[in-house]
N, C-alpha and C. Protein backbone atom coordinates (compact mmCIF):
# COMPACT_ATOMS: atom_id res chain seq x y z
N MET A 1 254.81 150.04 76.63
CA MET A 1 254.57 151.36 76.10
C MET A 1 255.87 152.14 76.11
N ARG A 2 256.14 152.81 75.01
CA ARG A 2 257.36 153.61 74.93
C ARG A 2 257.26 154.84 75.82
N LYS A 3 258.42 155.32 76.21
CA LYS A 3 258.49 156.48 77.10
C LYS A 3 257.81 157.71 76.49
N ASN A 4 258.07 157.98 75.21
CA ASN A 4 257.45 159.14 74.56
C ASN A 4 255.94 159.01 74.51
N GLU A 5 255.46 157.79 74.23
CA GLU A 5 254.03 157.57 74.17
C GLU A 5 253.40 157.82 75.53
N GLN A 6 254.03 157.34 76.58
CA GLN A 6 253.51 157.54 77.93
C GLN A 6 253.47 159.02 78.28
N LYS A 7 254.50 159.74 77.88
CA LYS A 7 254.56 161.17 78.18
C LYS A 7 253.44 161.93 77.45
N VAL A 8 253.18 161.57 76.19
CA VAL A 8 252.10 162.19 75.43
C VAL A 8 250.76 161.90 76.11
N LEU A 9 250.56 160.65 76.52
CA LEU A 9 249.32 160.27 77.18
C LEU A 9 249.12 161.07 78.47
N GLU A 10 250.19 161.30 79.22
CA GLU A 10 250.11 162.09 80.45
C GLU A 10 249.74 163.54 80.15
N ILE A 11 250.33 164.10 79.11
CA ILE A 11 250.02 165.49 78.73
C ILE A 11 248.56 165.62 78.34
N VAL A 12 248.09 164.69 77.51
CA VAL A 12 246.69 164.73 77.08
C VAL A 12 245.77 164.52 78.26
N SER A 13 246.12 163.58 79.13
CA SER A 13 245.32 163.30 80.32
C SER A 13 245.16 164.56 81.17
N ASN A 14 246.25 165.25 81.41
CA ASN A 14 246.22 166.47 82.22
C ASN A 14 245.40 167.56 81.54
N GLN A 15 245.58 167.72 80.25
CA GLN A 15 244.89 168.79 79.53
C GLN A 15 243.38 168.55 79.46
N LEU A 16 242.98 167.31 79.25
CA LEU A 16 241.56 167.01 79.09
C LEU A 16 240.88 166.60 80.39
N GLY A 17 241.66 166.45 81.45
CA GLY A 17 241.09 166.05 82.73
C GLY A 17 240.57 164.62 82.72
N VAL A 18 241.31 163.74 82.06
CA VAL A 18 240.92 162.34 81.90
C VAL A 18 241.97 161.47 82.57
N ASN A 19 241.55 160.41 83.22
CA ASN A 19 242.47 159.44 83.80
C ASN A 19 243.30 158.83 82.68
N SER A 20 244.62 158.88 82.79
CA SER A 20 245.49 158.38 81.72
C SER A 20 245.30 156.89 81.45
N ALA A 21 244.77 156.15 82.42
CA ALA A 21 244.51 154.72 82.21
C ALA A 21 243.41 154.50 81.18
N LYS A 22 242.60 155.53 80.94
CA LYS A 22 241.52 155.42 79.96
C LYS A 22 241.97 155.76 78.55
N LEU A 23 243.21 156.20 78.40
CA LEU A 23 243.73 156.62 77.10
C LEU A 23 244.66 155.57 76.52
N ASN A 24 244.65 155.46 75.21
CA ASN A 24 245.63 154.64 74.50
C ASN A 24 245.87 155.28 73.15
N SER A 25 246.75 154.72 72.36
CA SER A 25 247.14 155.35 71.10
C SER A 25 245.99 155.44 70.11
N GLU A 26 244.93 154.67 70.31
CA GLU A 26 243.79 154.70 69.39
C GLU A 26 242.64 155.58 69.88
N THR A 27 242.81 156.21 71.03
CA THR A 27 241.79 157.10 71.56
C THR A 27 241.58 158.26 70.60
N ASP A 28 240.34 158.53 70.28
CA ASP A 28 239.97 159.65 69.43
C ASP A 28 239.65 160.82 70.35
N ILE A 29 240.58 161.75 70.48
CA ILE A 29 240.41 162.83 71.46
C ILE A 29 239.26 163.77 71.11
N VAL A 30 238.91 163.85 69.84
CA VAL A 30 237.80 164.71 69.43
C VAL A 30 236.48 164.00 69.70
N LYS A 31 236.35 162.79 69.22
CA LYS A 31 235.09 162.06 69.37
C LYS A 31 234.85 161.62 70.81
N ASP A 32 235.88 161.04 71.44
CA ASP A 32 235.71 160.47 72.78
C ASP A 32 235.70 161.52 73.89
N TYR A 33 236.46 162.60 73.72
CA TYR A 33 236.60 163.58 74.80
C TYR A 33 236.29 165.01 74.37
N GLU A 34 235.73 165.16 73.17
CA GLU A 34 235.29 166.45 72.67
C GLU A 34 236.37 167.53 72.72
N ALA A 35 237.59 167.12 72.40
CA ALA A 35 238.69 168.09 72.35
C ALA A 35 238.44 169.03 71.17
N ASP A 36 238.57 170.32 71.43
CA ASP A 36 238.40 171.29 70.36
C ASP A 36 239.76 171.83 69.93
N SER A 37 239.75 172.80 69.04
CA SER A 37 241.01 173.32 68.51
C SER A 37 241.86 173.96 69.61
N LEU A 38 241.22 174.58 70.59
CA LEU A 38 241.98 175.17 71.70
C LEU A 38 242.64 174.07 72.53
N ASP A 39 241.93 172.98 72.80
CA ASP A 39 242.52 171.85 73.52
C ASP A 39 243.74 171.32 72.76
N LYS A 40 243.59 171.14 71.46
CA LYS A 40 244.70 170.63 70.64
C LYS A 40 245.89 171.58 70.69
N PHE A 41 245.60 172.88 70.59
CA PHE A 41 246.66 173.88 70.65
C PHE A 41 247.40 173.81 71.99
N GLU A 42 246.65 173.73 73.07
CA GLU A 42 247.27 173.67 74.40
C GLU A 42 248.04 172.36 74.60
N ILE A 43 247.53 171.27 74.06
CA ILE A 43 248.26 170.00 74.13
C ILE A 43 249.58 170.12 73.38
N MET A 44 249.54 170.72 72.19
CA MET A 44 250.77 170.87 71.42
C MET A 44 251.77 171.78 72.14
N ASN A 45 251.29 172.82 72.81
CA ASN A 45 252.19 173.68 73.59
C ASN A 45 252.85 172.89 74.71
N GLU A 46 252.08 172.05 75.39
CA GLU A 46 252.64 171.21 76.45
C GLU A 46 253.66 170.23 75.89
N ILE A 47 253.39 169.71 74.71
CA ILE A 47 254.34 168.79 74.07
C ILE A 47 255.63 169.53 73.73
N GLU A 48 255.51 170.75 73.24
CA GLU A 48 256.71 171.54 72.96
C GLU A 48 257.55 171.69 74.22
N ASP A 49 256.90 172.04 75.32
CA ASP A 49 257.61 172.22 76.58
C ASP A 49 258.17 170.90 77.10
N GLY A 50 257.34 169.87 77.08
CA GLY A 50 257.74 168.58 77.65
C GLY A 50 258.84 167.86 76.89
N PHE A 51 258.86 168.05 75.57
CA PHE A 51 259.86 167.37 74.75
C PHE A 51 260.95 168.31 74.26
N GLU A 52 260.83 169.58 74.66
CA GLU A 52 261.80 170.60 74.25
C GLU A 52 261.97 170.62 72.74
N VAL A 53 260.85 170.73 72.04
CA VAL A 53 260.84 170.82 70.58
C VAL A 53 260.03 172.04 70.18
N ASN A 54 260.21 172.47 68.94
CA ASN A 54 259.42 173.57 68.39
C ASN A 54 258.53 173.02 67.29
N ILE A 55 257.26 173.27 67.42
CA ILE A 55 256.29 172.85 66.42
C ILE A 55 256.11 174.04 65.48
N PRO A 56 256.24 173.81 64.17
CA PRO A 56 256.13 174.92 63.22
C PRO A 56 254.80 175.66 63.34
N GLU A 57 254.83 176.96 63.12
CA GLU A 57 253.62 177.77 63.22
C GLU A 57 252.57 177.35 62.21
N ASN A 58 252.98 176.76 61.09
CA ASN A 58 252.03 176.35 60.07
C ASN A 58 251.56 174.90 60.26
N PHE A 59 251.82 174.33 61.43
CA PHE A 59 251.39 172.96 61.71
C PHE A 59 249.88 172.86 61.63
N ASP A 60 249.38 171.83 60.97
CA ASP A 60 247.94 171.64 60.77
C ASP A 60 247.36 170.83 61.92
N PHE A 61 246.82 171.53 62.92
CA PHE A 61 246.23 170.87 64.09
C PHE A 61 245.02 170.04 63.72
N SER A 62 244.37 170.38 62.63
CA SER A 62 243.14 169.66 62.26
C SER A 62 243.39 168.20 61.93
N LYS A 63 244.63 167.85 61.57
CA LYS A 63 244.89 166.46 61.23
C LYS A 63 245.10 165.58 62.47
N ILE A 64 245.16 166.19 63.63
CA ILE A 64 245.30 165.43 64.87
C ILE A 64 243.91 165.05 65.36
N GLN A 65 243.62 163.79 65.32
CA GLN A 65 242.32 163.28 65.75
C GLN A 65 242.54 162.23 66.84
N GLU A 66 243.31 161.20 66.50
CA GLU A 66 243.60 160.13 67.45
C GLU A 66 244.94 160.39 68.11
N LEU A 67 245.11 159.84 69.29
CA LEU A 67 246.39 159.99 69.98
C LEU A 67 247.53 159.39 69.17
N PHE A 68 247.24 158.36 68.38
CA PHE A 68 248.27 157.78 67.51
C PHE A 68 248.85 158.84 66.60
N ASP A 69 247.98 159.70 66.03
CA ASP A 69 248.44 160.78 65.15
C ASP A 69 249.38 161.72 65.90
N LEU A 70 249.01 162.04 67.10
CA LEU A 70 249.81 162.95 67.92
C LEU A 70 251.15 162.32 68.29
N ILE A 71 251.12 161.05 68.68
CA ILE A 71 252.35 160.35 69.05
C ILE A 71 253.30 160.27 67.85
N GLN A 72 252.76 160.05 66.67
CA GLN A 72 253.59 159.96 65.46
C GLN A 72 254.28 161.29 65.19
N GLU A 73 253.63 162.38 65.48
CA GLU A 73 254.22 163.69 65.27
C GLU A 73 255.38 163.96 66.22
N VAL A 74 255.32 163.38 67.41
CA VAL A 74 256.38 163.57 68.39
C VAL A 74 257.53 162.67 68.02
């Protein structure tokens, strides 16, 4: 597993209160863990902080469903 992927999994794990061992790039955070738009927003904020990047204000959070989608964005 790549370092960035592991870091994303840790962020999602912490935000959703899920053991990171249960997550992988194909995990559907909406279907499997009922992540809502606020969860996605908070995950993206943590990613901004953790990777020291700025996510554009017009970023479409609705397209993030699986962790693979999120990892690709990072």
